[in-house]
């Protein structure tokens, strides 16, 4: 889907996920350490809850606005090598623009 801002202007591309749908990312880390992670999302259907998991570690985020917002998660530990990060919508529906890992 083409993402739009609150004024209807094109803002890039995003994916839409509804309840129980998910997407997964493979992330390669040069070293084992904790990473700051944020996700740019907006709710399409409220209330929206997103479950983010990686190898037994998980956290939930409430997406409370239909406007684009950058939500910051608690630090996520990644192992050296390839890691899988799954983003699953538990309730509602979202549009997700990007994931930032620092």
PDB file of N, CA and C in Angstrom:
ATOM      1  N   UNK A   1       0.828  -1.179   0.000  1.00  0.00           N
ATOM      2  CA  UNK A   1       0.000   0.000   0.000  1.00  0.00           C
ATOM      3  C   UNK A   1       0.863   1.230   0.000  1.00  0.00           C
ATOM      4  N   UNK A   2       0.367   2.304  -0.522  1.00  0.00           N
ATOM      5  CA  UNK A   2       1.065   3.586  -0.476  1.00  0.00           C
ATOM      6  C   UNK A   2       0.617   4.301   0.795  1.00  0.00           C
ATOM      7  N   UNK A   3       1.589   4.684   1.614  1.00  0.00           N
ATOM      8  CA  UNK A   3       1.283   5.344   2.881  1.00  0.00           C
ATOM      9  C   UNK A   3       0.975   6.812   2.647  1.00  0.00           C
ATOM     10  N   UNK A   4       0.020   7.316   3.406  1.00  0.00           N
ATOM     11  CA  UNK A   4      -0.335   8.730   3.350  1.00  0.00           C
ATOM     12  C   UNK A   4      -0.253   9.320   4.746  1.00  0.00           C
ATOM     13  N   UNK A   5       0.079  10.612   4.809  1.00  0.00           N
ATOM     14  CA  UNK A   5       0.082  11.282   6.105  1.00  0.00           C
ATOM     15  C   UNK A   5      -1.349  11.692   6.455  1.00  0.00           C
ATOM     16  N   UNK A   6      -1.513  12.382   7.574  1.00  0.00           N
ATOM     17  CA  UNK A   6      -2.857  12.744   8.046  1.00  0.00           C
ATOM     18  C   UNK A   6      -3.579  13.705   7.112  1.00  0.00           C
ATOM     19  N   UNK A   7      -2.849  14.346   6.198  1.00  0.00           N
ATOM     20  CA  UNK A   7      -3.468  15.269   5.240  1.00  0.00           C
ATOM     21  C   UNK A   7      -3.709  14.601   3.891  1.00  0.00           C
ATOM     22  N   UNK A   8      -3.454  13.279   3.800  1.00  0.00           N
ATOM     23  CA  UNK A   8      -3.685  12.547   2.567  1.00  0.00           C
ATOM     24  C   UNK A   8      -2.558  12.640   1.561  1.00  0.00           C
ATOM     25  N   UNK A   9      -1.416  13.186   1.956  1.00  0.00           N
ATOM     26  CA  UNK A   9      -0.267  13.295   1.056  1.00  0.00           C
ATOM     27  C   UNK A   9       0.550  12.005   1.098  1.00  0.00           C
ATOM     28  N   UNK A  10       1.082  11.611  -0.043  1.00  0.00           N
ATOM     29  CA  UNK A  10       1.892  10.400  -0.121  1.00  0.00           C
ATOM     30  C   UNK A  10       3.115  10.519   0.779  1.00  0.00           C
ATOM     31  N   UNK A  11       3.330   9.477   1.598  1.00  0.00           N
ATOM     32  CA  UNK A  11       4.440   9.495   2.547  1.00  0.00           C
ATOM     33  C   UNK A  11       5.344   8.276   2.383  1.00  0.00           C
ATOM     34  N   UNK A  12       5.185   7.489   1.324  1.00  0.00           N
ATOM     35  CA  UNK A  12       6.015   6.309   1.116  1.00  0.00           C
ATOM     36  C   UNK A  12       5.164   5.058   1.027  1.00  0.00           C
ATOM     37  N   UNK A  13       5.756   3.930   1.375  1.00  0.00           N
ATOM     38  CA  UNK A  13       5.058   2.646   1.312  1.00  0.00           C
ATOM     39  C   UNK A  13       4.926   2.057   2.704  1.00  0.00           C
ATOM     40  N   UNK A  14       3.855   1.315   2.923  1.00  0.00           N
ATOM     41  CA  UNK A  14       3.606   0.671   4.210  1.00  0.00           C
ATOM     42  C   UNK A  14       2.911  -0.655   3.964  1.00  0.00           C
ATOM     43  N   UNK A  15       2.958  -1.526   4.966  1.00  0.00           N
ATOM     44  CA  UNK A  15       2.189  -2.764   4.884  1.00  0.00           C
ATOM     45  C   UNK A  15       1.035  -2.677   5.873  1.00  0.00           C
ATOM     46  N   UNK A  16      -0.068  -3.318   5.535  1.00  0.00           N
ATOM     47  CA  UNK A  16      -1.226  -3.381   6.429  1.00  0.00           C
ATOM     48  C   UNK A  16      -1.330  -4.780   7.002  1.00  0.00           C
ATOM     49  N   UNK A  17      -1.567  -4.836   8.305  1.00  0.00           N
ATOM     50  CA  UNK A  17      -1.755  -6.111   8.992  1.00  0.00           C
ATOM     51  C   UNK A  17      -2.992  -6.013   9.868  1.00  0.00           C
ATOM     52  N   UNK A  18      -3.818  -7.054   9.813  1.00  0.00           N
ATOM     53  CA  UNK A  18      -5.013  -7.141  10.663  1.00  0.00           C
ATOM     54  C   UNK A  18      -4.763  -8.157  11.773  1.00  0.00           C
ATOM     55  N   UNK A  19      -5.715  -8.279  12.686  1.00  0.00           N
ATOM     56  CA  UNK A  19      -5.585  -9.189  13.823  1.00  0.00           C
ATOM     57  C   UNK A  19      -5.168 -10.581  13.366  1.00  0.00           C
ATOM     58  N   UNK A  20      -4.160 -11.127  14.048  1.00  0.00           N
ATOM     59  CA  UNK A  20      -3.573 -12.443  13.814  1.00  0.00           C
ATOM     60  C   UNK A  20      -2.694 -12.533  12.573  1.00  0.00           C
ATOM     61  N   UNK A  21      -2.522 -11.451  11.833  1.00  0.00           N
ATOM     62  CA  UNK A  21      -1.570 -11.448  10.724  1.00  0.00           C
ATOM     63  C   UNK A  21      -0.208 -11.008  11.251  1.00  0.00           C
ATOM     64  N   UNK A  22       0.847 -11.444  10.586  1.00  0.00           N
ATOM     65  CA  UNK A  22       2.187 -11.117  11.043  1.00  0.00           C
ATOM     66  C   UNK A  22       3.140 -10.968   9.870  1.00  0.00           C
ATOM     67  N   UNK A  23       4.273 -10.355  10.168  1.00  0.00           N
ATOM     68  CA  UNK A  23       5.387 -10.270   9.244  1.00  0.00           C
ATOM     69  C   UNK A  23       6.643 -10.563  10.047  1.00  0.00           C
ATOM     70  N   UNK A  24       7.672 -11.043   9.363  1.00  0.00           N
ATOM     71  CA  UNK A  24       8.891 -11.419  10.064  1.00  0.00           C
ATOM     72  C   UNK A  24      10.099 -10.854   9.324  1.00  0.00           C
ATOM     73  N   UNK A  25      11.065 -10.402  10.085  1.00  0.00           N
ATOM     74  CA  UNK A  25      12.298  -9.844   9.531  1.00  0.00           C
ATOM     75  C   UNK A  25      13.477 -10.684   9.985  1.00  0.00           C
ATOM     76  N   UNK A  26      14.413 -10.904   9.093  1.00  0.00           N
ATOM     77  CA  UNK A  26      15.688 -11.534   9.448  1.00  0.00           C
ATOM     78  C   UNK A  26      16.707 -10.413   9.578  1.00  0.00           C
ATOM     79  N   UNK A  27      17.334 -10.376  10.738  1.00  0.00           N
ATOM     80  CA  UNK A  27      18.269  -9.301  11.054  1.00  0.00           C
ATOM     81  C   UNK A  27      19.625  -9.919  11.361  1.00  0.00           C
ATOM     82  N   UNK A  28      20.648  -9.450  10.683  1.00  0.00           N
ATOM     83  CA  UNK A  28      22.002  -9.949  10.921  1.00  0.00           C
ATOM     84  C   UNK A  28      22.732  -8.975  11.849  1.00  0.00           C
ATOM     85  N   UNK A  29      23.216  -9.508  12.961  1.00  0.00           N
ATOM     86  CA  UNK A  29      23.958  -8.700  13.927  1.00  0.00           C
ATOM     87  C   UNK A  29      25.420  -9.127  13.918  1.00  0.00           C
ATOM     88  N   UNK A  30      26.307  -8.160  13.922  1.00  0.00           N
ATOM     89  CA  UNK A  30      27.749  -8.439  13.951  1.00  0.00           C
ATOM     90  C   UNK A  30      28.192  -8.967  15.314  1.00  0.00           C
ATOM     91  N   UNK A  31      27.416  -8.618  16.363  1.00  0.00           N
ATOM     92  CA  UNK A  31      27.779  -9.027  17.719  1.00  0.00           C
ATOM     93  C   UNK A  31      26.518  -9.226  18.549  1.00  0.00           C
ATOM     94  N   UNK A  32      26.646  -9.965  19.635  1.00  0.00           N
ATOM     95  CA  UNK A  32      25.535 -10.142  20.567  1.00  0.00           C
ATOM     96  C   UNK A  32      25.444  -8.907  21.447  1.00  0.00           C
ATOM     97  N   UNK A  33      24.290  -8.220  21.389  1.00  0.00           N
ATOM     98  CA  UNK A  33      24.077  -7.047  22.245  1.00  0.00           C
ATOM     99  C   UNK A  33      22.618  -6.624  22.171  1.00  0.00           C
ATOM    100  N   UNK A  34      22.257  -5.699  23.038  1.00  0.00           N
ATOM    101  CA  UNK A  34      20.903  -5.151  23.037  1.00  0.00           C
ATOM    102  C   UNK A  34      20.819  -4.018  22.025  1.00  0.00           C
ATOM    103  N   UNK A  35      19.719  -3.969  21.292  1.00  0.00           N
ATOM    104  CA  UNK A  35      19.503  -2.934  20.287  1.00  0.00           C
ATOM    105  C   UNK A  35      18.240  -2.139  20.619  1.00  0.00           C
ATOM    106  N   UNK A  36      18.299  -0.840  20.374  1.00  0.00           N
ATOM    107  CA  UNK A  36      17.112   0.016  20.487  1.00  0.00           C
ATOM    108  C   UNK A  36      16.289  -0.207  19.219  1.00  0.00           C
ATOM    109  N   UNK A  37      14.994  -0.429  19.381  1.00  0.00           N
ATOM    110  CA  UNK A  37      14.121  -0.704  18.244  1.00  0.00           C
ATOM    111  C   UNK A  37      12.908   0.221  18.310  1.00  0.00           C
ATOM    112  N   UNK A  38      12.564   0.780  17.168  1.00  0.00           N
ATOM    113  CA  UNK A  38      11.334   1.575  17.070  1.00  0.00           C
ATOM    114  C   UNK A  38      10.608   1.181  15.794  1.00  0.00           C
ATOM    115  N   UNK A  39       9.319   1.427  15.793  1.00  0.00           N
ATOM    116  CA  UNK A  39       8.468   1.050  14.673  1.00  0.00           C
ATOM    117  C   UNK A  39       7.544   2.228  14.358  1.00  0.00           C
ATOM    118  N   UNK A  40       7.441   2.568  13.084  1.00  0.00           N
ATOM    119  CA  UNK A  40       6.547   3.661  12.680  1.00  0.00           C
ATOM    120  C   UNK A  40       5.239   3.026  12.218  1.00  0.00           C
ATOM    121  N   UNK A  41       4.167   3.321  12.951  1.00  0.00           N
ATOM    122  CA  UNK A  41       2.875   2.693  12.693  1.00  0.00           C
ATOM    123  C   UNK A  41       1.733   3.680  12.870  1.00  0.00           C
ATOM    124  N   UNK A  42       0.567   3.258  12.388  1.00  0.00           N
ATOM    125  CA  UNK A  42      -0.681   3.958  12.691  1.00  0.00           C
ATOM    126  C   UNK A  42      -1.776   2.904  12.743  1.00  0.00           C
ATOM    127  N   UNK A  43      -2.788   3.171  13.531  1.00  0.00           N
ATOM    128  CA  UNK A  43      -3.912   2.245  13.646  1.00  0.00           C
ATOM    129  C   UNK A  43      -4.876   2.458  12.485  1.00  0.00           C
ATOM    130  N   UNK A  44      -5.354   1.361  11.936  1.00  0.00           N
ATOM    131  CA  UNK A  44      -6.406   1.397  10.930  1.00  0.00           C
ATOM    132  C   UNK A  44      -7.732   1.059  11.599  1.00  0.00           C
ATOM    133  N   UNK A  45      -7.677   0.120  12.549  1.00  0.00           N
ATOM    134  CA  UNK A  45      -8.850  -0.259  13.347  1.00  0.00           C
ATOM    135  C   UNK A  45      -8.424  -0.295  14.811  1.00  0.00           C
ATOM    136  N   UNK A  46      -9.082   0.498  15.623  1.00  0.00           N
ATOM    137  CA  UNK A  46      -8.772   0.578  17.061  1.00  0.00           C
ATOM    138  C   UNK A  46      -9.691  -0.330  17.860  1.00  0.00           C
ATOM    139  N   UNK A  47      -9.260  -0.826  19.002  1.00  0.00           N
ATOM    140  CA  UNK A  47      -7.914  -0.718  19.546  1.00  0.00           C
ATOM    141  C   UNK A  47      -6.971  -1.685  18.827  1.00  0.00           C
ATOM    142  N   UNK A  48      -5.733  -1.276  18.659  1.00  0.00           N
ATOM    143  CA  UNK A  48      -4.743  -2.116  17.984  1.00  0.00           C
ATOM    144  C   UNK A  48      -3.606  -2.430  18.948  1.00  0.00           C
ATOM    145  N   UNK A  49      -3.252  -3.705  18.989  1.00  0.00           N
ATOM    146  CA  UNK A  49      -2.148  -4.162  19.819  1.00  0.00           C
ATOM    147  C   UNK A  49      -1.196  -4.974  18.956  1.00  0.00           C
ATOM    148  N   UNK A  50       0.089  -4.681  19.075  1.00  0.00           N
ATOM    149  CA  UNK A  50       1.125  -5.356  18.299  1.00  0.00           C
ATOM    150  C   UNK A  50       2.024  -6.136  19.253  1.00  0.00           C
ATOM    151  N   UNK A  51       2.297  -7.378  18.902  1.00  0.00           N
ATOM    152  CA  UNK A  51       3.169  -8.257  19.679  1.00  0.00           C
ATOM    153  C   UNK A  51       4.473  -8.422  18.886  1.00  0.00           C
ATOM    154  N   UNK A  52       5.598  -8.062  19.496  1.00  0.00           N
ATOM    155  CA  UNK A  52       6.905  -8.169  18.844  1.00  0.00           C
ATOM    156  C   UNK A  52       7.703  -9.233  19.593  1.00  0.00           C
ATOM    157  N   UNK A  53       8.218 -10.227  18.855  1.00  0.00           N
ATOM    158  CA  UNK A  53       8.935 -11.308  19.528  1.00  0.00           C
ATOM    159  C   UNK A  53      10.209 -11.691  18.785  1.00  0.00           C
ATOM    160  N   UNK A  54      11.142 -12.209  19.572  1.00  0.00           N
ATOM    161  CA  UNK A  54      12.397 -12.718  19.043  1.00  0.00           C
ATOM    162  C   UNK A  54      12.954 -13.748  20.013  1.00  0.00           C
ATOM    163  N   UNK A  55      13.001 -14.994  19.596  1.00  0.00           N
ATOM    164  CA  UNK A  55      13.622 -16.090  20.359  1.00  0.00           C
ATOM    165  C   UNK A  55      13.252 -16.090  21.846  1.00  0.00           C
ATOM    166  N   UNK A  56      11.976 -16.056  22.147  1.00  0.00           N
ATOM    167  CA  UNK A  56      11.531 -16.118  23.531  1.00  0.00           C
ATOM    168  C   UNK A  56      11.341 -14.776  24.205  1.00  0.00           C
ATOM    169  N   UNK A  57      11.973 -13.736  23.713  1.00  0.00           N
ATOM    170  CA  UNK A  57      11.762 -12.388  24.241  1.00  0.00           C
ATOM    171  C   UNK A  57      10.605 -11.762  23.488  1.00  0.00           C
ATOM    172  N   UNK A  58       9.688 -11.133  24.215  1.00  0.00           N
ATOM    173  CA  UNK A  58       8.571 -10.491  23.529  1.00  0.00           C
ATOM    174  C   UNK A  58       8.091  -9.279  24.311  1.00  0.00           C
ATOM    175  N   UNK A  59       7.380  -8.424  23.603  1.00  0.00           N
ATOM    176  CA  UNK A  59       6.756  -7.251  24.208  1.00  0.00           C
ATOM    177  C   UNK A  59       5.570  -6.829  23.365  1.00  0.00           C
ATOM    178  N   UNK A  60       4.664  -6.112  23.996  1.00  0.00           N
ATOM    179  CA  UNK A  60       3.471  -5.641  23.302  1.00  0.00           C
ATOM    180  C   UNK A  60       3.465  -4.122  23.254  1.00  0.00           C
ATOM    181  N   UNK A  61       2.932  -3.621  22.152  1.00  0.00           N
ATOM    182  CA  UNK A  61       2.784  -2.179  21.974  1.00  0.00           C
ATOM    183  C   UNK A  61       1.330  -1.871  21.667  1.00  0.00           C
ATOM    184  N   UNK A  62       0.801  -0.835  22.297  1.00  0.00           N
ATOM    185  CA  UNK A  62      -0.547  -0.362  21.985  1.00  0.00           C
ATOM    186  C   UNK A  62      -0.419   0.731  20.929  1.00  0.00           C
ATOM    187  N   UNK A  63      -1.132   0.565  19.827  1.00  0.00           N
ATOM    188  CA  UNK A  63      -1.155   1.582  18.776  1.00  0.00           C
ATOM    189  C   UNK A  63      -2.464   2.334  18.968  1.00  0.00           C
ATOM    190  N   UNK A  64      -2.377   3.555  19.467  1.00  0.00           N
ATOM    191  CA  UNK A  64      -3.566   4.270  19.941  1.00  0.00           C
ATOM    192  C   UNK A  64      -4.037   5.405  19.040  1.00  0.00           C
ATOM    193  N   UNK A  65      -3.347   5.614  17.918  1.00  0.00           N
ATOM    194  CA  UNK A  65      -3.699   6.741  17.064  1.00  0.00           C
ATOM    195  C   UNK A  65      -3.777   6.317  15.605  1.00  0.00           C
ATOM    196  N   UNK A  66      -4.647   6.975  14.865  1.00  0.00           N
ATOM    197  CA  UNK A  66      -4.714   6.722  13.424  1.00  0.00           C
ATOM    198  C   UNK A  66      -3.730   7.618  12.668  1.00  0.00           C
ATOM    199  N   UNK A  67      -2.988   8.456  13.398  1.00  0.00           N
ATOM    200  CA  UNK A  67      -1.913   9.250  12.807  1.00  0.00           C
ATOM    201  C   UNK A  67      -0.605   8.469  12.935  1.00  0.00           C
ATOM    202  N   UNK A  68       0.311   8.697  12.009  1.00  0.00           N
ATOM    203  CA  UNK A  68       1.605   8.018  12.066  1.00  0.00           C
ATOM    204  C   UNK A  68       2.345   8.410  13.337  1.00  0.00           C
ATOM    205  N   UNK A  69       2.942   7.404  13.994  1.00  0.00           N
ATOM    206  CA  UNK A  69       3.722   7.637  15.211  1.00  0.00           C
ATOM    207  C   UNK A  69       4.896   6.670  15.238  1.00  0.00           C
ATOM    208  N   UNK A  70       5.996   7.133  15.803  1.00  0.00           N
ATOM    209  CA  UNK A  70       7.182   6.289  15.989  1.00  0.00           C
ATOM    210  C   UNK A  70       7.116   5.757  17.422  1.00  0.00           C
ATOM    211  N   UNK A  71       6.895   4.451  17.575  1.00  0.00           N
ATOM    212  CA  UNK A  71       6.798   3.842  18.890  1.00  0.00           C
ATOM    213  C   UNK A  71       8.116   3.156  19.225  1.00  0.00           C
ATOM    214  N   UNK A  72       8.636   3.442  20.405  1.00  0.00           N
ATOM    215  CA  UNK A  72       9.907   2.873  20.838  1.00  0.00           C
ATOM    216  C   UNK A  72       9.656   1.689  21.756  1.00  0.00           C
ATOM    217  N   UNK A  73      10.355   0.609  21.491  1.00  0.00           N
ATOM    218  CA  UNK A  73      10.246  -0.593  22.317  1.00  0.00           C
ATOM    219  C   UNK A  73      11.380  -0.619  23.332  1.00  0.00           C
ATOM    220  N   UNK A  74      11.240  -1.520  24.317  1.00  0.00           N
ATOM    221  CA  UNK A  74      12.363  -1.780  25.211  1.00  0.00           C
ATOM    222  C   UNK A  74      13.474  -2.394  24.364  1.00  0.00           C
ATOM    223  N   UNK A  75      14.703  -2.295  24.821  1.00  0.00           N
ATOM    224  CA  UNK A  75      15.832  -2.864  24.083  1.00  0.00           C
ATOM    225  C   UNK A  75      15.592  -4.344  23.805  1.00  0.00           C
ATOM    226  N   UNK A  76      15.981  -4.768  22.613  1.00  0.00           N
ATOM    227  CA  UNK A  76      15.813  -6.161  22.204  1.00  0.00           C
ATOM    228  C   UNK A  76      17.198  -6.781  22.057  1.00  0.00           C
ATOM    229  N   UNK A  77      17.448  -7.917  22.768  1.00  0.00           N
ATOM    230  CA  UNK A  77      18.749  -8.568  22.633  1.00  0.00           C
ATOM    231  C   UNK A  77      18.813  -9.363  21.327  1.00  0.00           C
ATOM    232  N   UNK A  78      19.868  -9.132  20.552  1.00  0.00           N
ATOM    233  CA  UNK A  78      20.107  -9.904  19.340  1.00  0.00           C
ATOM    234  C   UNK A  78      21.402 -10.679  19.506  1.00  0.00           C
ATOM    235  N   UNK A  79      21.406 -11.901  19.016  1.00  0.00           N
ATOM    236  CA  UNK A  79      22.601 -12.732  19.046  1.00  0.00           C
ATOM    237  C   UNK A  79      23.472 -12.413  17.853  1.00  0.00           C
ATOM    238  N   UNK A  80      24.734 -12.749  17.933  1.00  0.00           N
ATOM    239  CA  UNK A  80      25.625 -12.606  16.795  1.00  0.00           C
ATOM    240  C   UNK A  80      25.128 -13.539  15.693  1.00  0.00           C
ATOM    241  N   UNK A  81      25.008 -13.022  14.474  1.00  0.00           N
ATOM    242  CA  UNK A  81      24.504 -13.822  13.362  1.00  0.00           C
ATOM    243  C   UNK A  81      23.084 -13.422  13.006  1.00  0.00           C
ATOM    244  N   UNK A  82      22.349 -14.363  12.448  1.00  0.00           N
ATOM    245  CA  UNK A  82      20.998 -14.081  11.977  1.00  0.00           C
ATOM    246  C   UNK A  82      19.964 -14.249  13.087  1.00  0.00           C
ATOM    247  N   UNK A  83      19.074 -13.274  13.211  1.00  0.00           N
ATOM    248  CA  UNK A  83      17.989 -13.273  14.187  1.00  0.00           C
ATOM    249  C   UNK A  83      16.676 -13.066  13.447  1.00  0.00           C
ATOM    250  N   UNK A  84      15.599 -13.610  13.991  1.00  0.00           N
ATOM    251  CA  UNK A  84      14.266 -13.394  13.420  1.00  0.00           C
ATOM    252  C   UNK A  84      13.447 -12.552  14.387  1.00  0.00           C
ATOM    253  N   UNK A  85      12.871 -11.502  13.859  1.00  0.00           N
ATOM    254  CA  UNK A  85      12.010 -10.610  14.630  1.00  0.00           C
ATOM    255  C   UNK A  85      10.624 -10.661  14.010  1.00  0.00           C
ATOM    256  N   UNK A  86       9.642 -11.127  14.786  1.00  0.00           N
ATOM    257  CA  UNK A  86       8.278 -11.262  14.273  1.00  0.00           C
ATOM    258  C   UNK A  86       7.386 -10.178  14.855  1.00  0.00           C
ATOM    259  N   UNK A  87       6.603  -9.559  13.987  1.00  0.00           N
ATOM    260  CA  UNK A  87       5.637  -8.542  14.388  1.00  0.00           C
ATOM    261  C   UNK A  87       4.255  -9.081  14.050  1.00  0.00           C
ATOM    262  N   UNK A  88       3.431  -9.290  15.095  1.00  0.00           N
ATOM    263  CA  UNK A  88       2.099  -9.860  14.921  1.00  0.00           C
ATOM    264  C   UNK A  88       1.058  -8.927  15.520  1.00  0.00           C
ATOM    265  N   UNK A  89      -0.015  -8.699  14.799  1.00  0.00           N
ATOM    266  CA  UNK A  89      -1.103  -7.875  15.303  1.00  0.00           C
ATOM    267  C   UNK A  89      -2.027  -8.767  16.124  1.00  0.00           C
ATOM    268  N   UNK A  90      -2.202  -8.434  17.395  1.00  0.00           N
ATOM    269  CA  UNK A  90      -3.091  -9.211  18.268  1.00  0.00           C
ATOM    270  C   UNK A  90      -4.534  -8.756  18.155  1.00  0.00           C
ATOM    271  N   UNK A  91      -4.730  -7.452  17.981  1.00  0.00           N
ATOM    272  CA  UNK A  91      -6.100  -6.928  17.861  1.00  0.00           C
ATOM    273  C   UNK A  91      -6.077  -5.685  16.989  1.00  0.00           C
ATOM    274  N   UNK A  92      -7.222  -5.394  16.379  1.00  0.00           N
ATOM    275  CA  UNK A  92      -7.316  -4.227  15.511  1.00  0.00           C
ATOM    276  C   UNK A  92      -6.601  -4.461  14.192  1.00  0.00           C
ATOM    277  N   UNK A  93      -6.147  -3.391  13.593  1.00  0.00           N
ATOM    278  CA  UNK A  93      -5.383  -3.441  12.346  1.00  0.00           C
ATOM    279  C   UNK A  93      -4.451  -2.241  12.313  1.00  0.00           C
ATOM    280  N   UNK A  94      -3.296  -2.417  11.673  1.00  0.00           N
ATOM    281  CA  UNK A  94      -2.295  -1.353  11.603  1.00  0.00           C
ATOM    282  C   UNK A  94      -1.764  -1.197  10.180  1.00  0.00           C
ATOM    283  N   UNK A  95      -1.149  -0.058   9.948  1.00  0.00           N
ATOM    284  CA  UNK A  95      -0.278   0.149   8.799  1.00  0.00           C
ATOM    285  C   UNK A  95       1.112   0.368   9.397  1.00  0.00           C
ATOM    286  N   UNK A  96       2.108  -0.311   8.845  1.00  0.00           N
ATOM    287  CA  UNK A  96       3.472  -0.209   9.353  1.00  0.00           C
ATOM    288  C   UNK A  96       4.370   0.323   8.250  1.00  0.00           C
ATOM    289  N   UNK A  97       5.050   1.427   8.539  1.00  0.00           N
ATOM    290  CA  UNK A  97       5.911   2.065   7.561  1.00  0.00           C
ATOM    291  C   UNK A  97       7.327   1.498   7.608  1.00  0.00           C
ATOM    292  N   UNK A  98       7.951   1.521   8.785  1.00  0.00           N
ATOM    293  CA  UNK A  98       9.305   0.989   8.873  1.00  0.00           C
ATOM    294  C   UNK A  98       9.652   0.576  10.295  1.00  0.00           C
ATOM    295  N   UNK A  99      10.738  -0.160  10.381  1.00  0.00           N
ATOM    296  CA  UNK A  99      11.305  -0.648  11.626  1.00  0.00           C
ATOM    297  C   UNK A  99      12.714  -0.096  11.681  1.00  0.00           C
ATOM    298  N   UNK A 100      13.090   0.501  12.807  1.00  0.00           N
ATOM    299  CA  UNK A 100      14.442   1.062  12.957  1.00  0.00           C
ATOM    300  C   UNK A 100      15.147   0.326  14.082  1.00  0.00           C
ATOM    301  N   UNK A 101      16.364  -0.143  13.787  1.00  0.00           N
ATOM    302  CA  UNK A 101      17.169  -0.872  14.769  1.00  0.00           C
ATOM    303  C   UNK A 101      18.508  -0.168  14.885  1.00  0.00           C
ATOM    304  N   UNK A 102      18.830   0.246  16.105  1.00  0.00           N
ATOM    305  CA  UNK A 102      20.092   0.980  16.330  1.00  0.00           C
ATOM    306  C   UNK A 102      20.892   0.366  17.457  1.00  0.00           C
TER     307      UNK A 102
END
